[in-house]
Amino acid sequence: MPHNPIIVALDVDSAEAARQIVERLGETISFYKVGLELYAAAGMAFVHELVGRGKQVFLDLKLYDIGETVKRATAQVARSGARFLTVHGSRAVMQAAVEGRGASPLKLLAVTVLTSFDQDDLADLGYPCAVADLVSLRVRKATEAGMDGIVCSPLEVAAVRSLAPRAILVTPGVRSLGVGKADQKRVATPAEAIRAGADYLVIGRQITRAEDPRREALRILAEIESARRAGPVPGET
């Protein structure tokens, strides 16, 4: 069976709303993202529930705190059965997460630059560099810290893949043609992201707010399979 790269973002305000999405998608989707909103509403209990149903969980908490706090929080997540956990791409934070993960199978993903940020946002934060330069710096630091993967914009996947060829690349900001960008700024289509080298695509509203979520997920999977058959974008590996 071909690898299914879709992680559906359960960006809803209750466990019940999330359960309804999972039920409607059935066996079509096995990987779900639990972000801050759902985590605040339902906590680790819902993570355990998804794992208990045989689903894979991407816990998108973007941890950023003092080292000891990150270490201890990561150790808690490692015991939950979640597969992915995000932390910010600060060296001290990443090192603490790696230590907290220990020998568990939890995969740690470094957040480079949020896909809702563009050059103006970086300038507002005081970064004098281009988005691409900051992403490259954080990818290098993540590799040195022993992170398993990178969260990056689909527009940067090819460049990140060249810097970290063995990393797990997870890309939010993915939209099919004709679908609005919403609050994302650096976006691409599922086909473009896969052809550039992404391993997983985080897709939320396009699927979860569709009239028939399962049918929409299957349509995107067909789009992805077509991209795979087409091969890499010319000039990229």
Protein backbone atom coordinates (compact mmCIF):
# COMPACT_ATOMS: atom_id res chain seq x y z
CA MET A 1 0.00 0.00 0.00
CA PRO A 2 1.50 3.41 -0.94
CA HIS A 3 2.62 5.71 1.87
CA ASN A 4 -0.21 8.07 2.83
CA PRO A 5 1.45 11.45 3.52
CA ILE A 6 -1.64 13.30 4.75
CA ILE A 7 -1.82 14.42 8.37
CA VAL A 8 -5.25 15.90 9.02
CA ALA A 9 -5.19 18.89 11.35
CA LEU A 10 -7.90 18.59 14.00
CA ASP A 11 -8.11 22.34 14.53
CA VAL A 12 -11.40 22.25 16.42
CA ASP A 13 -12.51 23.32 19.88
CA SER A 14 -13.63 20.04 21.44
CA ALA A 15 -12.92 16.33 21.56
CA GLU A 16 -16.41 15.62 20.24
CA ALA A 17 -15.89 17.78 17.15
CA ALA A 18 -12.58 16.00 16.54
CA ARG A 19 -14.20 12.57 16.97
CA GLN A 20 -16.79 13.42 14.34
CA ILE A 21 -14.04 14.26 11.83
CA VAL A 22 -12.15 11.06 12.61
CA GLU A 23 -15.36 9.02 12.23
CA ARG A 24 -16.22 10.62 8.87
CA LEU A 25 -12.73 9.97 7.51
CA GLY A 26 -12.69 6.36 8.67
CA GLU A 27 -9.78 4.30 7.39
CA THR A 28 -8.88 6.88 4.73
CA ILE A 29 -6.72 8.82 7.22
CA SER A 30 -4.63 7.31 9.99
CA PHE A 31 -2.54 10.34 11.05
CA TYR A 32 -3.91 13.37 12.91
CA LYS A 33 -2.47 16.62 14.20
CA VAL A 34 -3.48 17.79 17.66
CA GLY A 35 -2.58 21.46 18.00
CA LEU A 36 -2.86 24.00 20.77
CA GLU A 37 -6.61 24.62 20.49
CA LEU A 38 -7.66 20.98 20.75
CA TYR A 39 -4.93 20.26 23.30
CA ALA A 40 -6.23 23.10 25.50
CA ALA A 41 -9.76 21.73 25.19
CA ALA A 42 -9.15 17.99 25.54
CA GLY A 43 -5.54 17.52 26.72
CA MET A 44 -3.52 14.33 26.71
CA ALA A 45 -6.66 12.29 27.28
CA PHE A 46 -7.63 12.82 23.65
CA VAL A 47 -4.12 11.97 22.47
CA HIS A 48 -4.43 8.68 24.36
CA GLU A 49 -7.85 8.14 22.81
CA LEU A 50 -6.53 8.54 19.27
CA VAL A 51 -3.58 6.26 19.96
CA GLY A 52 -5.95 3.71 21.47
CA ARG A 53 -7.97 3.75 18.23
CA GLY A 54 -4.84 2.86 16.27
CA LYS A 55 -4.25 6.39 14.95
CA GLN A 56 -0.92 8.15 14.73
CA VAL A 57 -0.67 11.51 16.49
CA PHE A 58 1.33 14.58 15.56
CA LEU A 59 1.33 16.66 18.75
CA ASP A 60 1.99 20.18 17.52
CA LEU A 61 2.83 22.06 20.72
CA LYS A 62 5.86 23.98 19.43
CA LEU A 63 7.54 23.73 22.83
CA TYR A 64 9.60 26.77 23.77
CA ASP A 65 10.66 27.21 27.39
CA ILE A 66 13.62 26.75 29.70
CA GLY A 67 15.51 23.54 29.09
CA GLU A 68 14.36 21.62 32.17
CA THR A 69 10.70 22.36 31.45
CA VAL A 70 11.03 21.25 27.81
CA LYS A 71 12.89 18.11 28.86
CA ARG A 72 10.23 17.09 31.37
CA ALA A 73 7.32 17.94 29.06
CA THR A 74 8.89 15.93 26.25
CA ALA A 75 9.29 12.95 28.59
CA GLN A 76 5.55 13.12 29.31
CA VAL A 77 4.71 13.20 25.60
CA ALA A 78 7.08 10.29 24.96
CA ARG A 79 5.00 8.14 27.30
CA SER A 80 1.74 8.99 25.52
CA GLY A 81 2.33 7.04 22.33
CA ALA A 82 2.32 10.16 20.13
CA ARG A 83 4.54 9.77 17.08
CA PHE A 84 5.62 13.38 16.36
CA LEU A 85 6.21 16.37 18.66
CA THR A 86 7.21 19.87 17.56
CA VAL A 87 9.64 22.15 19.36
CA HIS A 88 10.99 25.53 18.32
CA GLY A 89 14.29 25.58 16.47
CA SER A 90 16.36 27.01 19.33
CA ARG A 91 19.47 24.94 20.05
CA ALA A 92 18.92 24.79 23.83
CA VAL A 93 15.25 23.87 23.40
CA MET A 94 16.01 21.15 20.86
CA GLN A 95 18.78 19.64 22.97
CA ALA A 96 16.48 19.53 26.00
CA ALA A 97 13.77 17.80 23.96
CA VAL A 98 16.22 15.18 22.67
CA GLU A 99 17.30 14.48 26.24
CA GLY A 100 13.70 14.25 27.43
CA ARG A 101 12.71 11.89 24.63
CA GLY A 102 15.31 9.39 25.75
CA ALA A 103 15.12 5.99 24.06
CA SER A 104 11.43 6.28 23.18
CA PRO A 105 10.28 6.08 19.53
CA LEU A 106 8.90 9.66 19.66
CA LYS A 107 10.10 11.68 16.66
CA LEU A 108 11.07 15.30 17.32
CA LEU A 109 10.43 17.95 14.68
CA ALA A 110 12.05 21.37 14.70
CA VAL A 111 9.93 24.36 13.69
CA THR A 112 11.88 26.65 11.38
CA VAL A 113 9.74 29.68 10.39
CA LEU A 114 5.96 29.57 10.73
CA THR A 115 4.16 29.37 7.38
CA SER A 116 2.01 32.31 8.50
CA PHE A 117 5.17 34.48 8.55
CA ASP A 118 6.68 36.35 5.63
CA GLN A 119 9.60 38.77 5.29
CA ASP A 120 7.69 41.63 6.93
CA ASP A 121 6.94 39.47 9.97
CA LEU A 122 10.61 38.58 10.39
CA ALA A 123 11.54 42.26 10.18
CA ASP A 124 8.95 43.02 12.87
CA LEU A 125 10.64 40.43 15.12
CA GLY A 126 14.03 42.05 14.54
CA TYR A 127 15.54 39.48 12.18
CA PRO A 128 17.62 41.24 9.51
CA CYS A 129 17.93 38.14 7.31
CA ALA A 130 15.76 36.66 4.58
CA VAL A 131 13.25 33.92 5.46
CA ALA A 132 15.29 31.36 3.50
CA ASP A 133 18.45 32.22 5.43
CA LEU A 134 16.77 31.81 8.81
CA VAL A 135 15.25 28.50 7.73
CA SER A 136 18.68 27.24 6.59
CA LEU A 137 20.27 28.25 9.89
CA ARG A 138 17.63 26.47 11.92
CA VAL A 139 17.84 23.34 9.78
CA ARG A 140 21.58 23.14 10.39
CA LYS A 141 21.10 23.64 14.15
CA ALA A 142 18.34 21.00 14.21
CA THR A 143 20.59 18.46 12.51
CA GLU A 144 23.40 19.19 14.97
CA ALA A 145 21.00 18.81 17.92
CA GLY A 146 19.85 15.35 16.78
CA MET A 147 16.30 16.23 15.73
CA ASP A 148 14.46 13.70 13.58
CA GLY A 149 12.71 16.10 11.27
CA ILE A 150 11.83 19.61 10.21
CA VAL A 151 8.58 21.53 9.88
CA CYS A 152 8.89 23.96 6.99
CA SER A 153 6.95 25.74 4.30
CA PRO A 154 6.41 23.71 1.12
CA LEU A 155 8.23 26.51 -0.69
CA GLU A 156 11.40 25.61 1.22
CA VAL A 157 11.15 21.81 1.07
CA ALA A 158 13.66 21.33 -1.74
CA ALA A 159 16.26 23.54 -0.06
CA VAL A 160 15.71 21.87 3.33
CA ARG A 161 15.95 18.42 1.76
CA SER A 162 19.35 19.32 0.30
CA LEU A 163 20.57 20.40 3.77
CA ALA A 164 19.03 17.46 5.67
CA PRO A 165 18.63 14.55 3.23
CA ARG A 166 17.57 12.01 5.88
CA ALA A 167 15.23 14.26 7.88
CA ILE A 168 11.47 13.77 8.07
CA LEU A 169 10.00 16.81 6.32
CA VAL A 170 6.53 17.89 7.39
CA THR A 171 4.86 20.75 5.55
CA PRO A 172 1.86 22.80 6.63
CA GLY A 173 0.64 25.54 4.30
CA VAL A 174 -0.56 23.05 1.68
CA ARG A 175 -3.61 23.90 -0.44
CA SER A 176 -4.94 22.50 -3.70
CA LEU A 177 -5.39 24.91 -6.57
CA GLY A 178 -8.45 27.08 -6.10
CA VAL A 179 -8.47 26.75 -2.30
CA GLY A 180 -7.91 29.96 -0.33
CA LYS A 181 -4.72 30.52 1.66
CA ALA A 182 -6.61 31.47 4.86
CA ASP A 183 -3.99 32.59 7.42
CA GLN A 184 -1.04 31.03 5.60
CA LYS A 185 1.35 33.09 3.48
CA ARG A 186 3.99 30.68 2.13
CA VAL A 187 1.92 27.94 0.49
CA ALA A 188 1.99 25.35 -2.31
CA THR A 189 -0.23 22.59 -3.65
CA PRO A 190 0.01 18.98 -2.36
CA ALA A 191 1.51 17.93 -5.69
CA GLU A 192 4.17 20.65 -5.56
CA ALA A 193 5.12 19.80 -1.98
CA ILE A 194 5.45 16.07 -2.67
CA ARG A 195 7.46 16.59 -5.84
CA ALA A 196 9.79 18.94 -3.93
CA GLY A 197 10.53 16.21 -1.38
CA ALA A 198 8.02 16.49 1.50
CA ASP A 199 7.28 13.33 3.51
CA TYR A 200 4.08 14.53 5.17
CA LEU A 201 1.52 17.22 4.38
CA VAL A 202 -0.55 18.82 7.13
CA ILE A 203 -3.99 19.63 5.73
CA GLY A 204 -6.83 21.03 7.80
CA ARG A 205 -9.80 23.04 6.58
CA GLN A 206 -9.67 21.82 3.00
CA ILE A 207 -10.58 18.36 4.33
CA THR A 208 -12.28 18.98 7.67
CA ARG A 209 -14.69 21.62 6.36
CA ALA A 210 -15.47 19.81 3.10
CA GLU A 211 -19.03 18.65 2.54
CA ASP A 212 -17.63 15.11 2.31
CA PRO A 213 -14.25 14.99 4.10
CA ARG A 214 -13.49 11.42 3.03
CA ARG A 215 -14.12 12.18 -0.63
CA GLU A 216 -11.93 15.29 -0.43
CA ALA A 217 -9.12 13.32 1.23
CA LEU A 218 -9.30 10.69 -1.50
CA ARG A 219 -9.24 13.42 -4.17
CA ILE A 220 -6.07 14.91 -2.63
CA LEU A 221 -4.48 11.47 -2.42
CA ALA A 222 -5.15 11.01 -6.14
CA GLU A 223 -3.53 14.40 -6.78
CA ILE A 224 -0.50 13.28 -4.75
CA GLU A 225 -0.24 9.95 -6.57
CA SER A 226 -0.28 11.77 -9.89
CA ALA A 227 2.60 13.94 -8.66
CA ARG A 228 4.56 10.89 -7.60
CA ARG A 229 4.20 9.34 -11.02
CA ALA A 230 5.41 12.58 -12.58
CA GLY A 231 8.60 12.45 -10.50
CA PRO A 232 10.65 15.28 -8.98
CA VAL A 233 10.41 18.83 -10.20
CA PRO A 234 12.93 19.31 -13.06
CA GLY A 235 16.26 20.48 -11.72
CA GLU A 236 15.58 19.13 -8.19
CA THR A 237 16.43 15.82 -6.60
